Amino acid sequence: MVVGGQMSRLARLGAFIVVTLAVLAAGVFVIGSKEYLFRSTYRLKAQFENVAGLDEGADVQVGGVHSGTVTHIVLPGKPGDKVTVVMELAQSTHEIIKQDSVASIQTEGLLGNQYLAISFGSAGQGEVKDGEIIQSVPPLQMADLLKKTNGILDS
């Protein structure tokens, strides 16, 4: 009878360890996907005719430095409207992103991942507010670049 009782206790201990490790692993993945969970952030938006392959979770760079993440990409409500890109930015960028800052979609290398780049603002401009929409420029499409190159080569 003692052997059966000890086996049951070992089985419960093993199950407890397995469940604890599973909860810990799940917590690591949840926190890892929310990089700015414990940092002070603010939210900005930019609108584009076309997001050129930009995905949720893409980097947002300010001055070439990773400073945030694209959290949502919202399709327009009706034809003719623009696609809205919502991003979370580190509070440290709040001093350099101003009303005249411009968001643009860039590509890492020739065929790399898409990311959002935000230019520095001018010293005399006002600061952006949480949730505000900043200016944007349309992304450079590789297909358009190839058409122009073919046109130049043909002539």
Protein backbone atom coordinates (compact mmCIF):
# COMPACT_ATOMS: atom_id res chain seq x y z
CA MET A 1 0.00 0.00 0.00
CA VAL A 2 2.89 2.39 0.70
CA VAL A 3 4.29 1.81 -2.80
CA GLY A 4 0.95 2.80 -4.39
CA GLY A 5 0.70 5.95 -2.25
CA GLN A 6 4.25 7.00 -3.12
CA MET A 7 3.59 6.46 -6.82
CA SER A 8 0.50 8.68 -6.65
CA ARG A 9 2.51 11.41 -4.92
CA LEU A 10 5.26 11.19 -7.59
CA ALA A 11 2.63 11.36 -10.35
CA ARG A 12 1.10 14.50 -8.78
CA LEU A 13 4.55 16.07 -8.38
CA GLY A 14 5.41 15.29 -12.01
CA ALA A 15 2.09 16.72 -13.23
CA PHE A 16 2.67 19.86 -11.13
CA ILE A 17 6.14 20.35 -12.64
CA VAL A 18 4.88 19.84 -16.20
CA VAL A 19 1.98 22.30 -15.72
CA THR A 20 4.29 24.88 -14.08
CA LEU A 21 6.78 24.65 -16.97
CA ALA A 22 3.96 25.00 -19.53
CA VAL A 23 2.61 28.12 -17.78
CA LEU A 24 6.14 29.57 -17.58
CA ALA A 25 6.81 28.89 -21.28
CA ALA A 26 3.47 30.46 -22.28
CA GLY A 27 4.29 33.53 -20.16
CA VAL A 28 7.65 33.94 -21.87
CA PHE A 29 6.01 33.88 -25.32
CA VAL A 30 3.27 36.34 -24.31
CA ILE A 31 5.72 38.80 -22.77
CA GLY A 32 8.19 38.33 -25.64
CA SER A 33 5.57 39.32 -28.20
CA LYS A 34 4.80 42.49 -26.24
CA GLU A 35 8.26 44.02 -26.32
CA TYR A 36 7.15 47.35 -24.89
CA LEU A 37 4.95 45.86 -22.16
CA PHE A 38 6.96 47.32 -19.27
CA ARG A 39 8.13 50.52 -20.98
CA SER A 40 6.41 53.86 -21.28
CA THR A 41 4.99 54.20 -24.80
CA TYR A 42 2.67 56.34 -26.84
CA ARG A 43 0.68 55.62 -29.98
CA LEU A 44 0.86 57.31 -33.39
CA LYS A 45 -0.90 56.67 -36.69
CA ALA A 46 0.02 57.19 -40.34
CA GLN A 47 -2.16 56.74 -43.41
CA PHE A 48 -1.08 55.30 -46.75
CA GLU A 49 -2.73 54.50 -50.08
CA ASN A 50 -0.87 51.16 -50.03
CA VAL A 51 1.25 49.61 -47.25
CA ALA A 52 3.48 47.68 -49.70
CA GLY A 53 3.77 44.46 -47.71
CA LEU A 54 4.17 46.03 -44.25
CA ASP A 55 2.94 43.61 -41.55
CA GLU A 56 1.77 43.95 -37.97
CA GLY A 57 4.78 43.53 -35.68
CA ALA A 58 7.11 45.31 -38.12
CA ASP A 59 9.82 47.62 -36.75
CA VAL A 60 9.36 51.34 -36.47
CA GLN A 61 12.66 53.18 -36.76
CA VAL A 62 13.36 56.76 -35.80
CA GLY A 63 16.71 57.99 -37.13
CA GLY A 64 17.62 54.41 -38.07
CA VAL A 65 17.15 53.14 -34.49
CA HIS A 66 14.48 50.58 -33.56
CA SER A 67 12.06 52.68 -31.53
CA GLY A 68 8.71 50.94 -31.77
CA THR A 69 6.44 48.39 -33.38
CA VAL A 70 3.52 48.43 -35.82
CA THR A 71 0.61 47.18 -33.70
CA HIS A 72 -2.32 47.31 -36.16
CA ILE A 73 -2.97 47.86 -39.83
CA VAL A 74 -6.56 48.97 -40.40
CA LEU A 75 -8.12 48.65 -43.85
CA PRO A 76 -10.20 51.61 -45.05
CA GLY A 77 -13.93 51.65 -44.40
CA LYS A 78 -14.76 52.49 -48.01
CA PRO A 79 -12.99 52.72 -51.38
CA GLY A 80 -10.92 55.87 -51.73
CA ASP A 81 -9.96 56.02 -48.05
CA LYS A 82 -6.45 55.22 -46.86
CA VAL A 83 -4.98 52.29 -44.92
CA THR A 84 -4.19 53.34 -41.33
CA VAL A 85 -1.01 52.04 -39.68
CA VAL A 86 -1.06 52.19 -35.86
CA MET A 87 2.29 52.06 -34.05
CA GLU A 88 3.56 52.02 -30.46
CA LEU A 89 6.65 54.16 -29.91
CA ALA A 90 9.05 54.41 -26.99
CA GLN A 91 8.46 57.54 -24.90
CA SER A 92 12.09 58.55 -25.52
CA THR A 93 11.18 59.45 -29.14
CA HIS A 94 8.51 61.94 -28.06
CA GLU A 95 11.06 64.78 -27.99
CA ILE A 96 12.26 64.27 -31.59
CA ILE A 97 9.04 63.34 -33.40
CA LYS A 98 7.22 66.61 -34.10
CA GLN A 99 4.18 67.79 -36.07
CA ASP A 100 6.22 67.90 -39.29
CA SER A 101 7.73 64.39 -38.95
CA VAL A 102 6.99 62.11 -41.89
CA ALA A 103 6.40 58.33 -41.89
CA SER A 104 7.59 56.24 -44.82
CA ILE A 105 7.63 52.53 -45.58
CA GLN A 106 11.17 51.30 -46.27
CA THR A 107 12.72 47.96 -47.19
CA GLU A 108 15.74 46.42 -45.45
CA GLY A 109 18.24 45.84 -48.25
CA LEU A 110 17.01 45.08 -51.75
CA LEU A 111 14.49 42.34 -50.95
CA GLY A 112 14.33 42.49 -47.14
CA ASN A 113 11.53 43.04 -44.64
CA GLN A 114 9.40 46.17 -44.67
CA TYR A 115 9.64 48.62 -41.78
CA LEU A 116 8.26 52.05 -40.97
CA ALA A 117 10.74 54.93 -40.80
CA ILE A 118 9.86 58.23 -39.13
CA SER A 119 11.90 61.36 -39.79
CA PHE A 120 13.00 63.80 -37.09
CA GLY A 121 10.85 66.86 -36.74
CA SER A 122 11.92 70.50 -36.80
CA ALA A 123 12.88 72.21 -33.55
CA GLY A 124 10.19 74.90 -33.86
CA GLN A 125 7.31 72.48 -34.42
CA GLY A 126 4.92 71.30 -31.71
CA GLU A 127 5.06 67.84 -30.17
CA VAL A 128 2.78 65.07 -31.39
CA LYS A 129 -0.02 63.90 -29.13
CA ASP A 130 -0.86 60.31 -28.24
CA GLY A 131 -3.04 58.81 -30.99
CA GLU A 132 -2.33 61.57 -33.51
CA ILE A 133 -1.97 60.96 -37.26
CA ILE A 134 1.37 62.09 -38.73
CA GLN A 135 2.18 62.84 -42.36
CA SER A 136 3.29 60.05 -44.69
CA VAL A 137 4.83 59.57 -48.10
CA PRO A 138 3.82 56.74 -50.46
CA PRO A 139 6.11 53.70 -50.45
CA LEU A 140 8.49 53.11 -53.34
CA GLN A 141 7.24 50.06 -55.21
CA MET A 142 9.84 47.70 -56.65
CA ALA A 143 7.58 47.12 -59.69
CA ASP A 144 7.52 50.88 -60.42
CA LEU A 145 11.29 51.01 -60.12
CA LEU A 146 11.68 48.12 -62.57
CA LYS A 147 9.31 49.82 -65.07
CA LYS A 148 11.37 53.01 -64.92
CA THR A 149 14.59 51.04 -65.33
CA ASN A 150 13.17 49.17 -68.35
CA GLY A 151 12.03 52.48 -69.85
CA ILE A 152 15.51 53.95 -69.46
CA LEU A 153 17.16 50.84 -70.91
CA ASP A 154 14.77 50.83 -73.89
CA SER A 155 15.66 54.41 -74.79
